[in-house]
Each structure stands twice: as structure tokens, then as C-alpha cells.
Amino acid sequence: MKALVLSGGAGTRLRPITHTSAKQLVPVANKPVLFYGLEAIAESGIRDVGIIVGDTADEIMAAVGDGSQFGISVTYIRQHAPLGLAHAVLIARDYLGDDDFVMYLGDNFIVGGIRDLVDDFRQARPDAHILLTHVADPRHFGVAELVDGRVVSLEEKPQHAKSDLALVGVYLFTPVVHEAVRVITPSERGELEITHAIQWLIDRECDVRSTIISGYWKDTGNVTDMLEVNRSVLETIETRVAGTVDATSEIIGRVRIDRGARISGSRIVGPAVIGASTEVVDSYVGPFTAIGECCRIEDTEIEYSIVLRDSALTGVRRVEASLIGRGVEVTPAPRNPAAHRFVLGDHSKVQISS
């Protein structure tokens, strides 16, 4: 069995971060989202992994390499434009051959991994197996309609959804799906939809099964979801202090301080992660915060945030619920002069804010 990991999307909902970085490499608890998926695939026993790459191919390839760091063997497959999930399967035909495969969206995050799902699929071998989860607003997802537990229809981002069951970004297929992706036509948005391919299988009475997951799943396509996934992962960390903490600092709760980090005159309240070679000086780092490598946090309060490597926050009164990119500098603005100068006409009324 092989895996097909999709890492070619532009990540428009995470701009401006993704103007200069692949969305799959934005870190959660100081580890790229994509790495969690590759680790889950390796844990399931799959060794051959094809990664679909696009405009950010060089960055993805530099981060993942040949896959040996994850215990897998990686083959890169270039997609000239993000033309849909089914298009990714179409262009990966030669790589996938006649093997069963799991398709995993590289910006998705699933707590608990996929080992049990893959094991069940290997034993039962339905034509397709999809994961579903209940969502508050199904209009932003592919949506499944079930009758007596059986999948009868799928719709892509419907305005009037037939259920609240959204497709999670993990799909398992036998080679029969290759015929489906060849015959479907582009949707109104110009993409080959995987929901249309699966619907083609359903219409031909193929064995399409589903599992409604109760565990945690997020599509990390926007800042709100990135911060929520970061919170979820940080809740699982264990305390580890590999850096230095001076006597005037206070560490409360589960906090990981990586090698070379220096904490002085500060208060760190976990769960939180301080990256390697980062300095935290006279500051407060609150819960659910991940500070990347080689950062400097000075005279600042920050919580429920992600700060990427090589960034500095100095003299900032309060930062929360923020995603801060690489090499950023945040400092206070200069104060306005204390004096006001006026030329006012007759009967003027002026209000000056403090």
C-alpha cells in the first residue's frame, strides 16, 4: 500500500504567511503540520509515499528530503496548477500503479493517527473508504449524505447541505478510483473534485464505506484553526528544560525549553514551547504559545500565539491569538508629542483623547 500526500496548494487563507512559505510547513508546536501527517503514515506501516508539490516544491523538498527522517521513501510528483484533489490522483497514476493507497491532505491534522483505519482497509478492501466528521458549517467542505449508514451522495461545498457530515482530508482507495478520475469533468470552479470521483463510484454501486470520527480533526487552512491545532498539540507536551532558566524566572505547568534557549527575569506558563537558541527576557509567555527557534521576546506579554523562527518582539504590551511569521520585528510605535498646536475658527469645539 502506498500513500499520496497533497502539498501543492497555495494556502490563500493563510496569507500573508504563505506569500513566502508553504502552508504545509507552518509549524504547530514548533513542528511543521506536514510532518505530523508523514509520521502518521509511517506509523501505519506505509513506506512508499508520493508527495504532490506545486509552486512551493523547493521548500517542501528541502524540508522533507528523501523521507528517511520519517522512515519512509518519498517520490515527488509535480502539479503545474492546483486543479483539484482528483487531478492529483490523475497525475500520480504512474507512481501509484495498481497499488491501494491512502490520500492524505498535507495541511490536515488528525489526533490519533490512521493506523487502525489503514489496517481495517487492508483487511476489508472496499473500493473506497472516507472519513467524516460533524461540523458546524458544512458549506465549506465536501459533504456526505448517509442512509442507514451507507454513503448515498456527496456534494462539494453545497449552499444547502443535506447533512453536517464533512469529509476529513484522508481517503483510502483501491485502483478502481483511477477510472473515476479519468472520466469526471471539471466542476464550476475548474477543478476535478474527488467528491465527484467518489460519487461516480457510488453511482456504479461500488463498495464505498465511511467512518465518522469522534477524535480531533482540523484543516489548518486559516489562522484560527492553526492556533486551535497548536493549542491541542501543546496540551500533550511534557515538561523538558534543555536550555537555561535564571533564578529570577518562574516556570509554571508543562513547558518545553529547547537546547540553547535562555530565560531571564520572565514568567512562562504552560503549556508552551520555547524553541532552540531563543531568548526570553523580562517577559510573560502565557499558555498555548509556541515560540520558534532563534527568536527574542523582551519586555513583552504573549499568549495563545505562534511565533516563527528569527522573529523579535520588544516592548510590546500585549499580544494574543496571533500568528507571526519568520524574521518579523514588532516594537512599539513612537509616542505622539505631548503638545498640541491649533488654529481654530470661531465657536469651534475640540475633543482631545488622552
Protein backbone atom coordinates (compact mmCIF):
# COMPACT_ATOMS: atom_id res chain seq x y z
CA MET A 1 0.00 0.00 0.00
CA LYS A 2 1.23 3.49 -0.86
CA ALA A 3 0.40 7.00 0.30
CA LEU A 4 -0.27 10.12 -1.75
CA VAL A 5 0.27 13.34 0.20
CA LEU A 6 -1.02 16.60 -1.26
CA SER A 7 1.28 19.55 -0.64
CA GLY A 8 0.74 21.70 -3.70
CA GLY A 9 -1.93 24.17 -2.55
CA ALA A 10 -1.30 27.91 -2.42
CA GLY A 11 -2.68 28.48 1.10
CA THR A 12 -4.54 31.68 0.27
CA ARG A 13 -6.40 31.68 3.60
CA LEU A 14 -3.09 31.86 5.50
CA ARG A 15 -1.75 34.88 3.66
CA PRO A 16 0.46 36.83 4.17
CA ILE A 17 2.37 33.94 5.85
CA THR A 18 2.04 31.81 2.70
CA HIS A 19 3.30 34.53 0.37
CA THR A 20 6.77 33.39 1.41
CA SER A 21 6.25 29.94 2.91
CA ALA A 22 4.41 26.72 2.11
CA LYS A 23 1.26 26.37 4.19
CA GLN A 24 2.11 22.73 4.97
CA LEU A 25 5.34 23.88 6.65
CA VAL A 26 3.77 26.38 9.04
CA PRO A 27 4.70 24.94 12.46
CA VAL A 28 2.39 23.62 15.14
CA ALA A 29 4.18 23.35 18.50
CA ASN A 30 7.36 24.15 16.51
CA LYS A 31 6.94 21.26 14.04
CA PRO A 32 5.54 21.67 10.50
CA VAL A 33 1.97 20.45 10.05
CA LEU A 34 3.09 18.25 7.15
CA PHE A 35 5.47 16.33 9.42
CA TYR A 36 2.61 15.14 11.64
CA GLY A 37 0.92 13.59 8.59
CA LEU A 38 4.11 11.89 7.38
CA GLU A 39 4.68 10.48 10.88
CA ALA A 40 1.11 9.13 10.94
CA ILE A 41 1.63 7.48 7.56
CA ALA A 42 4.89 5.88 8.69
CA GLU A 43 3.25 4.68 11.90
CA SER A 44 0.56 2.92 9.84
CA GLY A 45 3.24 0.79 8.17
CA ILE A 46 3.27 2.52 4.78
CA ARG A 47 6.76 3.14 3.42
CA ASP A 48 6.26 4.39 -0.17
CA VAL A 49 4.96 7.97 -0.20
CA GLY A 50 4.32 10.21 -3.20
CA ILE A 51 4.13 13.93 -2.43
CA ILE A 52 2.29 16.24 -4.81
CA VAL A 53 4.16 19.56 -5.00
CA GLY A 54 3.49 22.85 -6.78
CA ASP A 55 4.96 26.35 -6.59
CA THR A 56 6.49 25.67 -3.17
CA ALA A 57 8.17 22.44 -4.33
CA ASP A 58 11.72 23.53 -3.47
CA GLU A 59 10.76 24.38 0.11
CA ILE A 60 8.83 21.13 0.63
CA MET A 61 11.66 19.07 -0.85
CA ALA A 62 14.27 20.81 1.31
CA ALA A 63 12.26 20.14 4.48
CA VAL A 64 11.25 16.52 3.80
CA GLY A 65 14.22 15.30 1.75
CA ASP A 66 14.11 11.64 0.81
CA GLY A 67 11.81 10.85 3.74
CA SER A 68 14.36 8.81 5.67
CA GLN A 69 13.95 11.02 8.74
CA PHE A 70 10.38 9.69 8.95
CA GLY A 71 11.19 6.09 7.99
CA ILE A 72 9.61 6.40 4.53
CA SER A 73 10.76 6.66 0.92
CA VAL A 74 9.50 9.80 -0.84
CA THR A 75 8.85 10.41 -4.54
CA TYR A 76 7.92 13.95 -5.60
CA ILE A 77 5.21 14.49 -8.22
CA ARG A 78 4.87 17.98 -9.69
CA GLN A 79 1.45 19.52 -10.31
CA HIS A 80 1.63 22.57 -12.60
CA ALA A 81 -1.50 24.09 -11.03
CA PRO A 82 -3.84 23.19 -8.11
CA LEU A 83 -6.59 21.68 -10.26
CA GLY A 84 -8.33 19.58 -7.63
CA LEU A 85 -7.79 16.52 -5.47
CA ALA A 86 -8.90 14.15 -8.23
CA HIS A 87 -6.40 15.80 -10.57
CA ALA A 88 -3.66 14.93 -8.07
CA VAL A 89 -4.70 11.27 -8.28
CA LEU A 90 -4.79 11.53 -12.08
CA ILE A 91 -1.22 12.80 -12.41
CA ALA A 92 0.05 10.26 -9.85
CA ARG A 93 -1.25 7.31 -11.88
CA ASP A 94 2.17 6.04 -12.95
CA TYR A 95 3.54 6.28 -9.44
CA LEU A 96 0.56 4.59 -7.79
CA GLY A 97 0.34 1.79 -10.34
CA ASP A 98 -2.09 -0.92 -9.26
CA ASP A 99 -1.48 -0.46 -5.55
CA ASP A 100 -4.09 0.50 -2.97
CA PHE A 101 -3.30 3.89 -1.47
CA VAL A 102 -4.24 6.40 1.20
CA MET A 103 -4.57 10.03 0.09
CA TYR A 104 -3.67 12.47 2.86
CA LEU A 105 -4.05 16.25 2.63
CA GLY A 106 -0.78 17.74 3.84
CA ASP A 107 -2.39 20.61 5.80
CA ASN A 108 -4.78 18.39 7.77
CA PHE A 109 -4.27 17.33 11.35
CA ILE A 110 -5.79 14.21 12.91
CA VAL A 111 -5.17 13.26 16.52
CA GLY A 112 -4.60 9.55 16.96
CA GLY A 113 -3.15 8.83 13.53
CA ILE A 114 -4.51 6.49 10.84
CA ARG A 115 -3.04 3.09 11.75
CA ASP A 116 -6.34 1.45 12.68
CA LEU A 117 -8.03 2.87 9.59
CA VAL A 118 -5.30 1.54 7.30
CA ASP A 119 -5.35 -1.88 9.00
CA ASP A 120 -9.13 -2.15 8.55
CA PHE A 121 -8.88 -1.13 4.91
CA ARG A 122 -6.19 -3.71 4.19
CA GLN A 123 -8.43 -6.45 5.60
CA ALA A 124 -11.78 -5.44 4.07
CA ARG A 125 -10.57 -3.74 0.84
CA PRO A 126 -13.69 -1.75 -0.09
CA ASP A 127 -13.34 0.26 -3.29
CA ALA A 128 -13.12 3.46 -1.25
CA HIS A 129 -13.22 4.45 2.40
CA ILE A 130 -13.80 8.04 3.55
CA LEU A 131 -13.63 9.73 6.93
CA LEU A 132 -16.41 12.02 8.08
CA THR A 133 -16.91 14.37 11.00
CA HIS A 134 -19.73 16.60 12.20
CA VAL A 135 -19.11 20.31 11.51
CA ALA A 136 -20.96 23.47 12.43
CA ASP A 137 -20.98 24.94 8.89
CA PRO A 138 -20.79 22.26 6.17
CA ARG A 139 -20.87 24.82 3.34
CA HIS A 140 -17.07 25.00 3.40
CA PHE A 141 -16.49 21.26 2.93
CA GLY A 142 -17.31 18.24 0.87
CA VAL A 143 -20.48 16.85 2.49
CA ALA A 144 -21.77 13.28 2.66
CA GLU A 145 -25.36 12.08 2.89
CA LEU A 146 -25.88 8.75 4.64
CA VAL A 147 -28.91 6.48 4.53
CA ASP A 148 -28.91 3.63 7.04
CA GLY A 149 -25.18 4.17 7.49
CA ARG A 150 -24.44 3.90 3.77
CA VAL A 151 -22.99 6.74 1.71
CA VAL A 152 -25.54 7.67 -0.97
CA SER A 153 -24.34 11.07 -2.16
CA LEU A 154 -21.53 13.60 -1.89
CA GLU A 155 -21.57 17.33 -2.59
CA GLU A 156 -18.67 19.79 -2.77
CA LYS A 157 -19.23 22.95 -0.69
CA PRO A 158 -23.04 22.96 -1.04
CA GLN A 159 -25.05 26.07 -0.19
CA HIS A 160 -27.83 23.87 1.22
CA ALA A 161 -26.15 20.82 2.68
CA LYS A 162 -28.05 17.57 3.16
CA SER A 163 -26.14 16.81 6.37
CA ASP A 164 -23.48 18.19 8.68
CA LEU A 165 -21.03 15.40 7.85
CA ALA A 166 -17.89 16.84 6.27
CA LEU A 167 -15.19 14.81 4.56
CA VAL A 168 -11.96 14.72 6.51
CA GLY A 169 -8.77 15.03 4.45
CA VAL A 170 -7.90 11.31 4.46
CA TYR A 171 -9.20 8.93 1.79
CA LEU A 172 -8.40 5.27 1.05
CA PHE A 173 -8.76 3.79 -2.43
CA THR A 174 -8.21 0.67 -4.48
CA PRO A 175 -7.08 1.15 -8.12
CA VAL A 176 -10.72 1.38 -9.29
CA VAL A 177 -10.62 5.10 -8.45
CA HIS A 178 -8.30 5.71 -11.43
CA GLU A 179 -11.15 5.06 -13.84
CA ALA A 180 -13.34 7.52 -11.92
CA VAL A 181 -10.82 10.38 -12.04
CA ARG A 182 -10.33 9.82 -15.78
CA VAL A 183 -13.99 10.18 -16.70
CA ILE A 184 -15.22 13.02 -14.47
CA THR A 185 -15.21 16.60 -15.77
CA PRO A 186 -14.12 19.81 -14.04
CA SER A 187 -16.53 21.46 -11.62
CA GLU A 188 -17.79 25.04 -11.89
CA ARG A 189 -14.64 26.21 -10.13
CA GLY A 190 -12.49 24.47 -12.74
CA GLU A 191 -11.26 21.60 -10.58
CA LEU A 192 -11.51 17.83 -10.74
CA GLU A 193 -13.29 17.14 -7.45
CA ILE A 194 -12.58 13.98 -5.50
CA THR A 195 -16.19 14.10 -4.32
CA HIS A 196 -17.30 13.72 -7.96
CA ALA A 197 -14.99 10.75 -8.41
CA ILE A 198 -16.33 9.04 -5.29
CA GLN A 199 -19.89 9.82 -6.40
CA TRP A 200 -19.08 8.11 -9.71
CA LEU A 201 -18.12 5.01 -7.71
CA ILE A 202 -21.34 5.21 -5.67
CA ASP A 203 -23.49 5.55 -8.79
CA ARG A 204 -21.94 2.35 -10.14
CA GLU A 205 -22.67 0.52 -6.88
CA CYS A 206 -19.03 0.19 -5.88
CA ASP A 207 -18.28 -0.50 -2.24
CA VAL A 208 -17.82 2.94 -0.69
CA ARG A 209 -17.62 2.92 3.10
CA SER A 210 -17.31 5.64 5.70
CA THR A 211 -16.22 6.15 9.27
CA ILE A 212 -17.45 9.02 11.41
CA ILE A 213 -14.53 10.04 13.57
CA SER A 214 -15.06 11.32 17.08
CA GLY A 215 -11.47 12.38 17.64
CA TYR A 216 -9.88 15.71 16.88
CA TRP A 217 -9.51 16.88 13.27
CA LYS A 218 -8.65 20.23 11.78
CA ASP A 219 -7.99 21.61 8.34
CA THR A 220 -5.23 24.10 9.19
CA GLY A 221 -6.08 26.35 6.27
CA ASN A 222 -6.68 29.52 8.31
CA VAL A 223 -5.16 31.28 11.29
CA THR A 224 -7.97 30.40 13.71
CA ASP A 225 -7.61 26.68 13.02
CA MET A 226 -3.80 26.85 13.15
CA LEU A 227 -3.96 28.34 16.64
CA GLU A 228 -6.52 25.76 17.72
CA VAL A 229 -4.36 22.87 16.49
CA ASN A 230 -1.37 24.44 18.21
CA ARG A 231 -3.40 24.52 21.44
CA SER A 232 -4.39 20.87 21.04
CA VAL A 233 -0.82 19.66 20.46
CA LEU A 234 0.62 21.75 23.29
CA GLU A 235 -1.80 20.09 25.69
CA THR A 236 0.08 16.82 25.11
CA ILE A 237 3.66 18.02 25.68
CA GLU A 238 5.78 17.03 28.63
CA THR A 239 7.98 19.36 30.65
CA ARG A 240 11.58 19.44 29.48
CA VAL A 241 14.19 22.09 30.17
CA ALA A 242 17.23 21.75 27.90
CA GLY A 243 18.00 25.48 27.94
CA THR A 244 18.88 27.78 30.83
CA VAL A 245 16.48 29.47 33.25
CA ASP A 246 17.80 32.05 35.69
CA ALA A 247 16.82 32.34 39.36
CA THR A 248 14.52 35.31 38.74
CA SER A 249 12.33 33.40 36.28
CA GLU A 250 9.30 31.24 37.01
CA ILE A 251 8.19 28.18 35.03
CA ILE A 252 4.63 27.00 35.70
CA GLY A 253 2.93 23.94 34.22
CA ARG A 254 4.07 21.92 31.19
CA VAL A 255 6.78 23.91 29.45
CA ARG A 256 9.39 22.68 26.97
CA ILE A 257 12.51 24.81 26.69
CA ASP A 258 14.76 23.58 23.90
CA ARG A 259 18.54 23.46 23.81
CA GLY A 260 20.30 26.82 23.79
CA ALA A 261 17.22 28.82 24.85
CA ARG A 262 17.76 31.36 27.64
CA ILE A 263 15.06 32.58 30.02
CA SER A 264 15.78 35.52 32.32
CA GLY A 265 13.52 37.63 34.51
CA SER A 266 10.47 36.05 32.93
CA ARG A 267 7.38 34.01 33.69
CA ILE A 268 6.44 31.10 31.42
CA VAL A 269 3.02 29.50 31.97
CA GLY A 270 2.39 26.26 30.09
CA PRO A 271 1.57 24.53 28.04
CA ALA A 272 4.18 26.35 25.99
CA VAL A 273 7.25 25.66 23.88
CA ILE A 274 10.36 27.85 23.65
CA GLY A 275 12.50 26.99 20.62
CA ALA A 276 16.22 26.40 20.47
CA SER A 277 18.51 29.45 20.87
CA THR A 278 15.57 31.74 21.69
CA GLU A 279 15.89 34.42 24.37
CA VAL A 280 13.01 35.43 26.64
CA VAL A 281 13.90 38.48 28.74
CA ASP A 282 11.70 40.33 31.26
CA SER A 283 8.58 38.91 29.61
CA TYR A 284 5.47 36.83 30.14
CA VAL A 285 4.77 33.87 27.85
CA GLY A 286 1.29 32.53 28.51
CA PRO A 287 -0.48 29.25 27.80
CA PHE A 288 -0.80 27.72 24.32
CA THR A 289 2.14 29.64 22.89
CA ALA A 290 4.89 28.24 20.66
CA ILE A 291 7.97 30.40 20.15
CA GLY A 292 10.21 29.22 17.31
CA GLU A 293 13.98 28.97 17.10
CA CYS A 294 16.34 31.95 17.35
CA CYS A 295 13.66 34.42 18.48
CA ARG A 296 13.91 37.21 21.05
CA ILE A 297 11.00 38.09 23.32
CA GLU A 298 11.82 41.10 25.51
CA ASP A 299 9.63 43.22 27.78
CA THR A 300 6.55 41.65 26.16
CA GLU A 301 3.44 39.68 27.09
CA ILE A 302 2.25 37.00 24.68
CA GLU A 303 -0.15 34.06 24.86
CA TYR A 304 -2.21 31.75 22.63
CA SER A 305 0.08 32.51 19.71
CA ILE A 306 2.61 31.07 17.27
CA VAL A 307 5.88 32.88 16.57
CA LEU A 308 8.05 31.54 13.75
CA ARG A 309 11.83 31.46 13.83
CA ASP A 310 14.15 34.51 13.79
CA SER A 311 11.48 36.94 14.99
CA ALA A 312 11.70 39.57 17.73
CA LEU A 313 9.02 41.18 19.92
CA THR A 314 10.37 44.01 22.07
CA GLY A 315 8.44 46.28 24.40
CA VAL A 316 5.05 45.04 23.22
CA ARG A 317 2.42 45.47 25.90
CA ARG A 318 0.18 42.53 24.96
CA VAL A 319 0.00 40.02 22.09
CA GLU A 320 -2.59 37.25 21.88
CA ALA A 321 -4.22 34.95 19.29
CA SER A 322 -1.53 35.85 16.75
CA LEU A 323 0.45 34.05 14.04
CA ILE A 324 3.77 35.82 13.49
CA GLY A 325 5.96 34.87 10.54
CA ARG A 326 9.71 34.40 10.15
CA GLY A 327 12.13 37.28 10.62
CA VAL A 328 9.48 39.66 11.99
CA GLU A 329 10.24 42.62 14.26
CA VAL A 330 7.46 44.00 16.48
CA THR A 331 8.21 47.14 18.51
CA PRO A 332 6.10 49.98 19.99
CA ALA A 333 5.27 52.94 17.77
CA PRO A 334 6.84 56.30 18.74
CA ARG A 335 4.71 58.31 21.12
CA ASN A 336 2.88 61.35 19.80
CA PRO A 337 4.22 64.70 21.06
CA ALA A 338 2.66 65.87 24.31
CA ALA A 339 1.85 69.34 22.99
CA HIS A 340 -0.99 70.16 20.58
CA ARG A 341 -0.93 73.04 18.13
CA PHE A 342 -4.21 74.52 16.87
CA VAL A 343 -5.59 77.09 14.51
CA LEU A 344 -9.29 77.08 15.40
CA GLY A 345 -12.10 79.14 13.96
CA ASP A 346 -14.80 80.89 15.96
CA HIS A 347 -17.17 78.71 18.02
CA SER A 348 -15.04 75.56 17.50
CA LYS A 349 -15.44 72.52 19.75
CA VAL A 350 -12.45 70.19 20.13
CA GLN A 351 -12.16 66.87 21.97
CA ILE A 352 -8.69 65.51 22.70
CA SER A 353 -8.26 61.87 23.64
CA SER A 354 -5.93 61.06 26.47
